[in-house]
Amino acid sequence: MAGLARSIGPWMTGIRWVARGSALLLFALVVLFAIGEGLPNPLTVSAVVNVQCLAFVILLAGLIAGWRWEGLGAGLVLGGLLLFHLVNFISAGRLAGGLFPVFFIPGVLFLVCFLIDRKKPKAEDA
């Protein structure tokens, strides 16, 4: 197992930075969109939209948390995105389109980093 950890080391750095970069880019895109379009008023929109907004806030928290805690970030991103798609499927009969599937990229990459880091031998084990 030590050989795997050594051979994957340079790849892990790249995967980790692609995950972080895509998370930062998507977070910035959402912030710019929110500034340009404004946030929905939770008192005037439907319950479905409120649940989707909550799911999206969870996703956004995961994009930020993934920079430090990849497992937590992956769980929040993927969980929030799955909840968002589930609510959209139940209410509209289809998955959300547009740019929404792109949000899976940092979530999956954070998950890969987390899972590979768990498999690395500790310094005292090597």
N, C-alpha and C. Protein backbone atom coordinates (compact mmCIF):
# COMPACT_ATOMS: atom_id res chain seq x y z
N MET A 1 0.82 -1.20 0.00
CA MET A 1 0.00 0.00 0.00
C MET A 1 0.86 1.26 0.00
N ALA A 2 2.06 1.16 0.55
CA ALA A 2 2.94 2.32 0.59
C ALA A 2 3.34 2.74 -0.83
N GLY A 3 3.49 1.76 -1.73
CA GLY A 3 3.84 2.06 -3.11
C GLY A 3 2.73 2.86 -3.79
N LEU A 4 1.49 2.51 -3.52
CA LEU A 4 0.36 3.23 -4.09
C LEU A 4 0.35 4.68 -3.61
N ALA A 5 0.58 4.86 -2.33
CA ALA A 5 0.58 6.22 -1.77
C ALA A 5 1.68 7.06 -2.40
N ARG A 6 2.86 6.46 -2.62
CA ARG A 6 3.95 7.21 -3.23
C ARG A 6 3.65 7.53 -4.70
N SER A 7 3.08 6.58 -5.43
CA SER A 7 2.85 6.79 -6.85
C SER A 7 1.69 7.76 -7.10
N ILE A 8 0.78 7.88 -6.19
CA ILE A 8 -0.38 8.73 -6.40
C ILE A 8 -0.16 10.14 -5.84
N GLY A 9 0.91 10.34 -5.08
CA GLY A 9 1.19 11.63 -4.44
C GLY A 9 1.12 12.83 -5.37
N PRO A 10 1.87 12.83 -6.50
CA PRO A 10 1.79 13.99 -7.39
C PRO A 10 0.40 14.19 -8.00
N TRP A 11 -0.30 13.09 -8.27
CA TRP A 11 -1.65 13.19 -8.80
C TRP A 11 -2.60 13.79 -7.77
N MET A 12 -2.41 13.42 -6.52
CA MET A 12 -3.29 13.93 -5.46
C MET A 12 -3.21 15.44 -5.36
N THR A 13 -2.01 15.97 -5.49
CA THR A 13 -1.85 17.42 -5.43
C THR A 13 -2.64 18.08 -6.55
N GLY A 14 -2.54 17.52 -7.74
CA GLY A 14 -3.28 18.07 -8.87
C GLY A 14 -4.78 17.95 -8.69
N ILE A 15 -5.24 16.77 -8.26
CA ILE A 15 -6.67 16.55 -8.05
C ILE A 15 -7.20 17.51 -6.97
N ARG A 16 -6.43 17.64 -5.91
CA ARG A 16 -6.85 18.52 -4.80
C ARG A 16 -7.00 19.96 -5.28
N TRP A 17 -6.05 20.44 -6.09
CA TRP A 17 -6.12 21.82 -6.55
C TRP A 17 -7.17 22.04 -7.63
N VAL A 18 -7.43 21.02 -8.43
CA VAL A 18 -8.55 21.13 -9.37
C VAL A 18 -9.87 21.20 -8.60
N ALA A 19 -10.00 20.39 -7.56
CA ALA A 19 -11.20 20.42 -6.72
C ALA A 19 -11.36 21.80 -6.09
N ARG A 20 -10.30 22.32 -5.52
CA ARG A 20 -10.37 23.63 -4.86
C ARG A 20 -10.64 24.74 -5.86
N GLY A 21 -9.96 24.68 -7.00
CA GLY A 21 -10.15 25.72 -8.02
C GLY A 21 -11.56 25.71 -8.59
N SER A 22 -12.08 24.52 -8.87
CA SER A 22 -13.45 24.45 -9.40
C SER A 22 -14.46 24.89 -8.34
N ALA A 23 -14.20 24.55 -7.07
CA ALA A 23 -15.09 24.99 -6.00
C ALA A 23 -15.08 26.51 -5.88
N LEU A 24 -13.91 27.10 -5.94
CA LEU A 24 -13.80 28.56 -5.85
C LEU A 24 -14.47 29.23 -7.04
N LEU A 25 -14.25 28.70 -8.23
CA LEU A 25 -14.84 29.26 -9.43
C LEU A 25 -16.37 29.20 -9.38
N LEU A 26 -16.90 28.05 -8.99
CA LEU A 26 -18.36 27.91 -8.91
C LEU A 26 -18.95 28.78 -7.81
N PHE A 27 -18.27 28.86 -6.66
CA PHE A 27 -18.75 29.71 -5.58
C PHE A 27 -18.78 31.18 -6.04
N ALA A 28 -17.71 31.62 -6.70
CA ALA A 28 -17.66 32.99 -7.20
C ALA A 28 -18.75 33.25 -8.24
N LEU A 29 -19.01 32.27 -9.08
CA LEU A 29 -20.06 32.41 -10.08
C LEU A 29 -21.43 32.59 -9.42
N VAL A 30 -21.68 31.82 -8.37
CA VAL A 30 -22.96 31.93 -7.66
C VAL A 30 -23.06 33.29 -6.97
N VAL A 31 -21.97 33.75 -6.37
CA VAL A 31 -21.99 35.06 -5.71
C VAL A 31 -22.26 36.16 -6.72
N LEU A 32 -21.59 36.09 -7.87
CA LEU A 32 -21.82 37.10 -8.91
C LEU A 32 -23.27 37.05 -9.42
N PHE A 33 -23.79 35.86 -9.58
CA PHE A 33 -25.18 35.71 -10.01
C PHE A 33 -26.13 36.29 -8.95
N ALA A 34 -25.85 36.01 -7.68
CA ALA A 34 -26.70 36.52 -6.60
C ALA A 34 -26.65 38.04 -6.54
N ILE A 35 -25.47 38.61 -6.78
CA ILE A 35 -25.36 40.07 -6.79
C ILE A 35 -26.14 40.65 -7.96
N GLY A 36 -26.02 40.02 -9.12
CA GLY A 36 -26.69 40.55 -10.31
C GLY A 36 -28.19 40.35 -10.31
N GLU A 37 -28.65 39.20 -9.85
CA GLU A 37 -30.07 38.86 -9.91
C GLU A 37 -30.81 39.07 -8.59
N GLY A 38 -30.07 39.07 -7.50
CA GLY A 38 -30.69 39.19 -6.19
C GLY A 38 -31.11 37.83 -5.66
N LEU A 39 -31.34 37.77 -4.38
CA LEU A 39 -31.76 36.52 -3.74
C LEU A 39 -33.28 36.46 -3.67
N PRO A 40 -33.84 35.24 -3.75
CA PRO A 40 -35.30 35.14 -3.64
C PRO A 40 -35.77 35.45 -2.22
N ASN A 41 -36.93 36.05 -2.12
CA ASN A 41 -37.53 36.34 -0.82
C ASN A 41 -38.23 35.06 -0.34
N PRO A 42 -37.76 34.48 0.77
CA PRO A 42 -38.36 33.22 1.22
C PRO A 42 -39.84 33.33 1.59
N LEU A 43 -40.33 34.53 1.82
CA LEU A 43 -41.73 34.70 2.17
C LEU A 43 -42.65 34.75 0.95
N THR A 44 -42.08 34.98 -0.22
CA THR A 44 -42.91 35.12 -1.42
C THR A 44 -42.76 33.97 -2.41
N VAL A 45 -41.86 33.05 -2.16
CA VAL A 45 -41.67 31.92 -3.08
C VAL A 45 -42.28 30.66 -2.48
N SER A 46 -42.44 29.66 -3.31
CA SER A 46 -43.06 28.41 -2.87
C SER A 46 -42.15 27.63 -1.93
N ALA A 47 -42.73 26.66 -1.26
CA ALA A 47 -41.96 25.78 -0.37
C ALA A 47 -40.90 25.01 -1.15
N VAL A 48 -41.22 24.63 -2.37
CA VAL A 48 -40.26 23.90 -3.21
C VAL A 48 -39.02 24.75 -3.44
N VAL A 49 -39.21 26.02 -3.78
CA VAL A 49 -38.08 26.92 -4.01
C VAL A 49 -37.29 27.12 -2.72
N ASN A 50 -37.96 27.22 -1.59
CA ASN A 50 -37.27 27.37 -0.31
C ASN A 50 -36.41 26.15 0.00
N VAL A 51 -36.92 24.95 -0.26
CA VAL A 51 -36.14 23.73 -0.01
C VAL A 51 -34.95 23.68 -0.98
N GLN A 52 -35.17 24.07 -2.23
CA GLN A 52 -34.07 24.10 -3.18
C GLN A 52 -33.01 25.12 -2.77
N CYS A 53 -33.44 26.25 -2.27
CA CYS A 53 -32.48 27.25 -1.79
C CYS A 53 -31.68 26.72 -0.61
N LEU A 54 -32.35 26.03 0.31
CA LEU A 54 -31.64 25.43 1.44
C LEU A 54 -30.63 24.40 0.95
N ALA A 55 -31.04 23.56 0.00
CA ALA A 55 -30.12 22.56 -0.56
C ALA A 55 -28.93 23.25 -1.22
N PHE A 56 -29.18 24.35 -1.89
CA PHE A 56 -28.09 25.07 -2.57
C PHE A 56 -27.15 25.73 -1.57
N VAL A 57 -27.69 26.23 -0.46
CA VAL A 57 -26.84 26.80 0.59
C VAL A 57 -25.96 25.71 1.20
N ILE A 58 -26.50 24.52 1.39
CA ILE A 58 -25.70 23.39 1.88
C ILE A 58 -24.58 23.08 0.90
N LEU A 59 -24.92 23.07 -0.39
CA LEU A 59 -23.91 22.84 -1.43
C LEU A 59 -22.82 23.90 -1.36
N LEU A 60 -23.19 25.15 -1.25
CA LEU A 60 -22.22 26.24 -1.19
C LEU A 60 -21.32 26.12 0.04
N ALA A 61 -21.90 25.74 1.17
CA ALA A 61 -21.09 25.52 2.37
C ALA A 61 -20.07 24.41 2.13
N GLY A 62 -20.46 23.40 1.38
CA GLY A 62 -19.54 22.32 1.06
C GLY A 62 -18.40 22.76 0.17
N LEU A 63 -18.67 23.68 -0.76
CA LEU A 63 -17.61 24.19 -1.63
C LEU A 63 -16.53 24.89 -0.81
N ILE A 64 -16.94 25.58 0.24
CA ILE A 64 -15.98 26.27 1.10
C ILE A 64 -15.33 25.29 2.08
N ALA A 65 -16.13 24.42 2.69
CA ALA A 65 -15.60 23.47 3.67
C ALA A 65 -14.60 22.50 3.04
N GLY A 66 -14.79 22.17 1.76
CA GLY A 66 -13.91 21.23 1.09
C GLY A 66 -12.47 21.70 1.01
N TRP A 67 -12.23 22.98 1.10
CA TRP A 67 -10.86 23.49 1.09
C TRP A 67 -10.06 22.97 2.29
N ARG A 68 -10.73 22.79 3.41
CA ARG A 68 -10.04 22.36 4.64
C ARG A 68 -10.38 20.92 5.00
N TRP A 69 -11.64 20.56 4.90
CA TRP A 69 -12.11 19.23 5.27
C TRP A 69 -12.77 18.60 4.05
N GLU A 70 -11.99 17.82 3.32
CA GLU A 70 -12.47 17.30 2.04
C GLU A 70 -13.65 16.34 2.20
N GLY A 71 -13.65 15.53 3.23
CA GLY A 71 -14.76 14.61 3.44
C GLY A 71 -16.05 15.35 3.73
N LEU A 72 -15.98 16.32 4.62
CA LEU A 72 -17.15 17.14 4.95
C LEU A 72 -17.62 17.91 3.72
N GLY A 73 -16.67 18.52 3.02
CA GLY A 73 -17.01 19.28 1.81
C GLY A 73 -17.70 18.41 0.77
N ALA A 74 -17.15 17.22 0.55
CA ALA A 74 -17.74 16.30 -0.43
C ALA A 74 -19.16 15.92 -0.01
N GLY A 75 -19.34 15.62 1.27
CA GLY A 75 -20.67 15.25 1.75
C GLY A 75 -21.68 16.36 1.59
N LEU A 76 -21.27 17.59 1.91
CA LEU A 76 -22.19 18.72 1.80
C LEU A 76 -22.50 19.05 0.34
N VAL A 77 -21.47 19.07 -0.50
CA VAL A 77 -21.69 19.37 -1.92
C VAL A 77 -22.59 18.32 -2.55
N LEU A 78 -22.22 17.06 -2.41
CA LEU A 78 -22.98 16.00 -3.06
C LEU A 78 -24.36 15.83 -2.44
N GLY A 79 -24.45 15.94 -1.12
CA GLY A 79 -25.74 15.84 -0.46
C GLY A 79 -26.67 16.98 -0.84
N GLY A 80 -26.15 18.20 -0.82
CA GLY A 80 -26.97 19.36 -1.20
C GLY A 80 -27.40 19.29 -2.65
N LEU A 81 -26.50 18.86 -3.52
CA LEU A 81 -26.84 18.77 -4.94
C LEU A 81 -27.85 17.65 -5.21
N LEU A 82 -27.67 16.53 -4.53
CA LEU A 82 -28.64 15.44 -4.70
C LEU A 82 -30.03 15.84 -4.19
N LEU A 83 -30.06 16.55 -3.04
CA LEU A 83 -31.34 17.03 -2.52
C LEU A 83 -31.98 18.01 -3.51
N PHE A 84 -31.18 18.90 -4.05
CA PHE A 84 -31.68 19.87 -5.03
C PHE A 84 -32.30 19.16 -6.23
N HIS A 85 -31.55 18.17 -6.78
CA HIS A 85 -32.06 17.43 -7.93
C HIS A 85 -33.30 16.60 -7.58
N LEU A 86 -33.31 16.02 -6.40
CA LEU A 86 -34.47 15.23 -5.97
C LEU A 86 -35.72 16.09 -5.88
N VAL A 87 -35.61 17.25 -5.25
CA VAL A 87 -36.75 18.16 -5.12
C VAL A 87 -37.19 18.62 -6.51
N ASN A 88 -36.24 18.92 -7.37
CA ASN A 88 -36.59 19.35 -8.73
C ASN A 88 -37.29 18.23 -9.49
N PHE A 89 -36.81 16.99 -9.31
CA PHE A 89 -37.43 15.86 -10.00
C PHE A 89 -38.84 15.61 -9.50
N ILE A 90 -39.02 15.71 -8.19
CA ILE A 90 -40.36 15.49 -7.63
C ILE A 90 -41.33 16.59 -8.08
N SER A 91 -40.86 17.83 -8.11
CA SER A 91 -41.77 18.94 -8.44
C SER A 91 -41.93 19.17 -9.93
N ALA A 92 -40.89 18.95 -10.71
CA ALA A 92 -40.96 19.26 -12.14
C ALA A 92 -40.91 18.03 -13.03
N GLY A 93 -40.60 16.87 -12.46
CA GLY A 93 -40.53 15.66 -13.26
C GLY A 93 -39.25 15.48 -14.04
N ARG A 94 -38.23 16.28 -13.74
CA ARG A 94 -36.94 16.16 -14.42
C ARG A 94 -35.83 16.68 -13.51
N LEU A 95 -34.61 16.29 -13.82
CA LEU A 95 -33.46 16.80 -13.08
C LEU A 95 -33.17 18.23 -13.52
N ALA A 96 -32.53 18.98 -12.65
CA ALA A 96 -32.16 20.35 -13.00
C ALA A 96 -31.10 20.31 -14.09
N GLY A 97 -31.26 21.15 -15.06
CA GLY A 97 -30.30 21.20 -16.17
C GLY A 97 -29.37 22.40 -16.02
N GLY A 98 -28.99 22.92 -17.14
CA GLY A 98 -28.11 24.08 -17.15
C GLY A 98 -26.75 23.76 -16.57
N LEU A 99 -26.29 24.61 -15.68
CA LEU A 99 -24.97 24.47 -15.08
C LEU A 99 -24.96 23.59 -13.84
N PHE A 100 -26.11 23.17 -13.37
CA PHE A 100 -26.18 22.42 -12.12
C PHE A 100 -25.34 21.14 -12.10
N PRO A 101 -25.31 20.34 -13.17
CA PRO A 101 -24.48 19.13 -13.12
C PRO A 101 -22.98 19.41 -12.92
N VAL A 102 -22.52 20.60 -13.28
CA VAL A 102 -21.10 20.95 -13.11
C VAL A 102 -20.71 20.97 -11.63
N PHE A 103 -21.68 21.21 -10.76
CA PHE A 103 -21.39 21.25 -9.32
C PHE A 103 -20.97 19.89 -8.77
N PHE A 104 -21.24 18.83 -9.53
CA PHE A 104 -20.77 17.51 -9.10
C PHE A 104 -19.24 17.41 -9.14
N ILE A 105 -18.59 18.17 -10.01
CA ILE A 105 -17.14 18.05 -10.21
C ILE A 105 -16.36 18.28 -8.92
N PRO A 106 -16.48 19.43 -8.24
CA PRO A 106 -15.71 19.58 -7.01
C PRO A 106 -16.12 18.59 -5.93
N GLY A 107 -17.40 18.26 -5.87
CA GLY A 107 -17.87 17.30 -4.87
C GLY A 107 -17.22 15.94 -5.05
N VAL A 108 -17.20 15.45 -6.28
CA VAL A 108 -16.59 14.15 -6.55
C VAL A 108 -15.08 14.21 -6.33
N LEU A 109 -14.44 15.29 -6.75
CA LEU A 109 -12.99 15.40 -6.56
C LEU A 109 -12.62 15.49 -5.08
N PHE A 110 -13.40 16.24 -4.30
CA PHE A 110 -13.16 16.26 -2.85
C PHE A 110 -13.32 14.86 -2.26
N LEU A 111 -14.31 14.12 -2.73
CA LEU A 111 -14.53 12.77 -2.25
C LEU A 111 -13.35 11.86 -2.61
N VAL A 112 -12.83 11.98 -3.82
CA VAL A 112 -11.67 11.18 -4.23
C VAL A 112 -10.48 11.49 -3.33
N CYS A 113 -10.21 12.76 -3.09
CA CYS A 113 -9.09 13.15 -2.22
C CYS A 113 -9.27 12.58 -0.81
N PHE A 114 -10.48 12.69 -0.29
CA PHE A 114 -10.75 12.18 1.05
C PHE A 114 -10.53 10.68 1.13
N LEU A 115 -11.05 9.95 0.16
CA LEU A 115 -10.93 8.48 0.19
C LEU A 115 -9.49 8.02 0.00
N ILE A 116 -8.75 8.68 -0.86
CA ILE A 116 -7.35 8.28 -1.07
C ILE A 116 -6.51 8.64 0.14
N ASP A 117 -6.76 9.81 0.74
CA ASP A 117 -6.01 10.20 1.94
C ASP A 117 -6.26 9.22 3.10
N ARG A 118 -7.46 8.66 3.18
CA ARG A 118 -7.75 7.67 4.24
C ARG A 118 -6.94 6.40 4.04
N LYS A 119 -6.58 6.09 2.80
CA LYS A 119 -5.85 4.86 2.50
C LYS A 119 -4.34 5.01 2.68
N LYS A 120 -3.87 6.25 2.78
CA LYS A 120 -2.43 6.47 2.94
C LYS A 120 -1.96 5.92 4.29
N PRO A 121 -0.80 5.26 4.29
CA PRO A 121 -0.26 4.81 5.58
C PRO A 121 0.21 6.01 6.40
N LYS A 122 0.04 5.91 7.68
CA LYS A 122 0.52 6.96 8.58
C LYS A 122 2.04 6.92 8.62
N ALA A 123 2.65 8.02 9.05
CA ALA A 123 4.12 8.10 9.08
C ALA A 123 4.71 7.00 9.97
N GLU A 124 4.05 6.70 11.09
CA GLU A 124 4.58 5.69 11.98
C GLU A 124 4.37 4.26 11.43
N ASP A 125 3.41 4.10 10.46
CA ASP A 125 3.18 2.79 9.87
C ASP A 125 4.17 2.47 8.75
N ALA A 126 4.75 3.50 8.13
CA ALA A 126 5.62 3.30 6.96
C ALA A 126 6.98 2.77 7.35
